[in-house]
Amino acid sequence: MKKVNRIRILCVLAVVSLILVLGYFGNRAEEEIPMDTEQALPTEIPMDTEPSLTVNHNINYKYVIIEEGDYLTVYYADRRTVYEYTDIRYSDLEDTLRQKIRKGYWIENEEQLYGFLENYDT
């Protein structure tokens, strides 16, 4: 009976050790991937024409922020459907960010979008 209990304990310890090792290396791999929340396309896409530039298809952008009447407006990736109007003034932003928004400031997901909006909302 003692031999059976030792084998059970050994198996349980092996499984727990395996879970800990996989968890450690899984988290470590995620930390090495940089998360860039601010992505912009290299050129501006006019609203009245079809896009004709090469887009990196590895990143699926969900939102784009555009300046309209000195305020920022969030559109879905189709650039036609408004997601949200904001109270953030375009003229209050720093020059580098205004240049990115002028080209269309692309954002991958809702979490990154709200992170951006919270940083610049008054």
Protein backbone atom coordinates (compact mmCIF):
# COMPACT_ATOMS: atom_id res chain seq x y z
CA MET A 1 0.00 0.00 0.00
CA LYS A 2 2.86 2.39 0.78
CA LYS A 3 4.32 1.77 -2.67
CA VAL A 4 1.02 2.73 -4.35
CA ASN A 5 0.83 5.97 -2.36
CA ARG A 6 4.40 6.87 -3.32
CA ILE A 7 3.58 6.34 -6.99
CA ARG A 8 0.46 8.53 -6.68
CA ILE A 9 2.41 11.30 -4.96
CA LEU A 10 5.13 11.09 -7.61
CA CYS A 11 2.54 11.36 -10.42
CA VAL A 12 0.83 14.34 -8.78
CA LEU A 13 4.17 16.12 -8.30
CA ALA A 14 5.12 15.43 -11.93
CA VAL A 15 1.83 16.90 -13.20
CA VAL A 16 2.12 19.98 -10.96
CA SER A 17 5.73 20.52 -12.06
CA LEU A 18 4.74 20.22 -15.72
CA ILE A 19 1.94 22.78 -15.29
CA LEU A 20 4.30 25.23 -13.56
CA VAL A 21 6.97 24.89 -16.25
CA LEU A 22 4.47 25.35 -19.09
CA GLY A 23 2.92 28.35 -17.34
CA TYR A 24 6.30 29.98 -16.80
CA PHE A 25 7.46 29.58 -20.40
CA GLY A 26 4.05 30.53 -21.80
CA ASN A 27 4.05 33.84 -19.90
CA ARG A 28 7.64 34.48 -20.83
CA ALA A 29 6.89 34.08 -24.54
CA GLU A 30 4.00 36.56 -24.29
CA GLU A 31 6.21 39.17 -22.59
CA GLU A 32 8.70 39.10 -25.46
CA ILE A 33 6.07 40.18 -28.00
CA PRO A 34 5.91 44.00 -28.00
CA MET A 35 2.42 45.46 -27.98
CA ASP A 36 2.37 48.58 -30.15
CA THR A 37 -0.94 50.31 -29.57
CA GLU A 38 -0.31 53.09 -32.02
CA GLN A 39 -0.25 51.94 -35.62
CA ALA A 40 -0.62 54.14 -38.68
CA LEU A 41 -0.70 53.33 -42.36
CA PRO A 42 2.12 54.84 -44.41
CA THR A 43 -0.18 56.90 -46.65
CA GLU A 44 -3.59 58.49 -46.40
CA ILE A 45 -6.60 56.74 -47.91
CA PRO A 46 -9.09 59.22 -49.39
CA MET A 47 -12.69 58.61 -48.33
CA ASP A 48 -14.11 58.80 -51.87
CA THR A 49 -11.73 56.32 -53.55
CA GLU A 50 -11.03 52.64 -53.12
CA PRO A 51 -7.80 51.77 -51.27
CA SER A 52 -5.02 50.97 -53.70
CA LEU A 53 -2.04 50.53 -51.42
CA THR A 54 -0.49 47.42 -50.02
CA VAL A 55 -1.67 46.77 -46.48
CA ASN A 56 -0.02 44.45 -43.99
CA HIS A 57 -2.64 41.70 -43.74
CA ASN A 58 -1.09 40.24 -40.59
CA ILE A 59 -2.63 42.99 -38.47
CA ASN A 60 -6.41 43.23 -38.43
CA TYR A 61 -7.22 46.80 -37.49
CA LYS A 62 -10.69 47.34 -36.11
CA TYR A 63 -10.79 51.14 -35.69
CA VAL A 64 -9.32 54.28 -37.22
CA ILE A 65 -9.24 57.73 -35.60
CA ILE A 66 -9.70 60.70 -37.92
CA GLU A 67 -9.87 64.46 -37.34
CA GLU A 68 -13.16 66.12 -38.29
CA GLY A 69 -13.84 69.76 -37.51
CA ASP A 70 -11.03 69.99 -34.92
CA TYR A 71 -12.38 66.95 -33.00
CA LEU A 72 -11.37 63.30 -33.17
CA THR A 73 -13.87 60.80 -34.55
CA VAL A 74 -13.50 57.04 -34.24
CA TYR A 75 -14.56 54.98 -37.25
CA TYR A 76 -14.69 51.27 -37.82
CA ALA A 77 -11.98 49.97 -40.15
CA ASP A 78 -14.22 50.52 -43.19
CA ARG A 79 -13.75 54.31 -42.64
CA ARG A 80 -17.46 54.86 -43.34
CA THR A 81 -19.23 53.75 -40.16
CA VAL A 82 -18.81 56.02 -37.14
CA TYR A 83 -18.03 54.16 -33.92
CA GLU A 84 -17.83 57.16 -31.59
CA TYR A 85 -17.61 60.94 -31.64
CA THR A 86 -15.17 62.30 -29.05
CA ASP A 87 -14.66 65.59 -27.23
CA ILE A 88 -10.91 65.44 -27.84
CA ARG A 89 -9.74 68.51 -29.74
CA TYR A 90 -7.32 67.88 -32.58
CA SER A 91 -5.60 71.23 -32.01
CA ASP A 92 -4.78 70.31 -28.38
CA LEU A 93 -2.65 67.31 -29.41
CA GLU A 94 1.11 67.35 -29.93
CA ASP A 95 2.41 67.66 -33.51
CA THR A 96 3.62 64.07 -33.90
CA LEU A 97 0.25 62.67 -32.88
CA ARG A 98 -1.58 65.13 -35.16
CA GLN A 99 0.50 63.92 -38.10
CA LYS A 100 -0.43 60.30 -37.34
CA ILE A 101 -4.12 61.16 -37.01
CA ARG A 102 -4.03 63.18 -40.23
CA LYS A 103 -2.99 59.97 -42.03
CA GLY A 104 -5.52 57.88 -40.13
CA TYR A 105 -4.59 56.48 -36.74
CA TRP A 106 -5.27 52.72 -36.87
CA ILE A 107 -6.06 50.71 -33.72
CA GLU A 108 -6.33 46.94 -33.41
CA ASN A 109 -8.93 46.39 -30.69
CA GLU A 110 -11.34 48.01 -28.26
CA GLU A 111 -8.95 47.78 -25.31
CA GLN A 112 -6.26 49.76 -27.14
CA LEU A 113 -8.86 52.24 -28.38
CA TYR A 114 -10.15 53.02 -24.90
CA GLY A 115 -6.59 53.20 -23.59
CA PHE A 116 -5.83 55.86 -26.20
CA LEU A 117 -9.06 57.77 -25.56
CA GLU A 118 -8.55 57.77 -21.79
CA ASN A 119 -5.05 59.23 -22.23
CA TYR A 120 -6.25 62.20 -24.28
CA ASP A 121 -9.78 62.79 -22.99
CA THR A 122 -10.21 65.95 -20.92
